[in-house]
């Protein structure tokens, strides 16, 4: 006797349109069929089981104007409500991503935030040949400030994994562009599986007006945070099998971490090349990250920004925050976790 169980969730989408703003809300539809992952059914064939997607499905709301977009993602699990908000804005200073996290249960409320900003593109001559922009020793040819932008274009795209919220940010000269993707559940976008606790950014640099024949480019990124940061050469997405060849800067926030990550390779004129990154501490709360690219006419790279240790039950493991919220971790284990949290600041993940 065979029993078939069909589980489906309703998808909702609301849109409000006027001259300046647009708001949408989505919860993505999921069904079960004969596709399997190691942990169960995988109806949308994105490598993440339907059970994991159900546990982590978030409600996404987007508020958009020509110069400012707010992406808010919320989830309630085990008596704890959490929300993270990514504010994307354009100005004379560049493209800014302000990332905020808030969690609340019956007794406590926690808020954290950090900022990532794409500021400019540096053309330089790599005098010491190490593939990195060294401000003190390399020859800076010019810096193209990212300061003049077209209105941010916001759209919602239908996708096998549900609705995808897309922002298209471009400079008025067309040299720099960023496609920003956000979703309420795991989704495969342009060959990368994106978690609902992060946004994917496709950076595109094209038609750069080089002044020297032997120069190359570096994208100048500012990261600002009041918390401690740590460079990692293995990301959560790599550990969970959703990505390969990534690196990141973590922003340590108690049980969870904010992060800015990037692929360690880029597509340049249709060919894959390594991306070297140099990190310079400007002040106790500010770092400059230079993502270095070999010379080319069209450079396509893949950073991400979001939070780690926030996913519920992926790969059969609850994030630390969810373990604590649900009183699953005994006191001795909590003490051990606190010690590990201190070690992580100075050591790479094992």
Foldseek 3Di string as FASTA:
>chain_A
DDDDDKDWDDWDWDWDDDDFKIKIKIWFIDIFDDDAAPVGTDVLPQRFHPVLQVQQQWIWMWIGGQFKIKIKTWDDDLQKIKIKIWMWGAAQQATKTKIKIWMDGPPDIDIFIKMKGFFWKWKWAPVVPPLDDDPVPIGTPDIGTQHAWGGWDWDWDQDSRGIKIWIWIAGPVRQKIKIKIAHRAWDQDPNATDGNQKIKIKIKGADDDDPDDRIWMWTKMKMFGLAAKAKAQADPCVVLVRDPQKIWIWGDDVQKIKIKMWHQWKQAPNDIDGWDWDWADPDSGMIIIITTDGDHRMIIIMMMTGMPLCRQQTVHDHRPVSCVSNVVDDPVVVVVVVVVSVVVRPDYDD
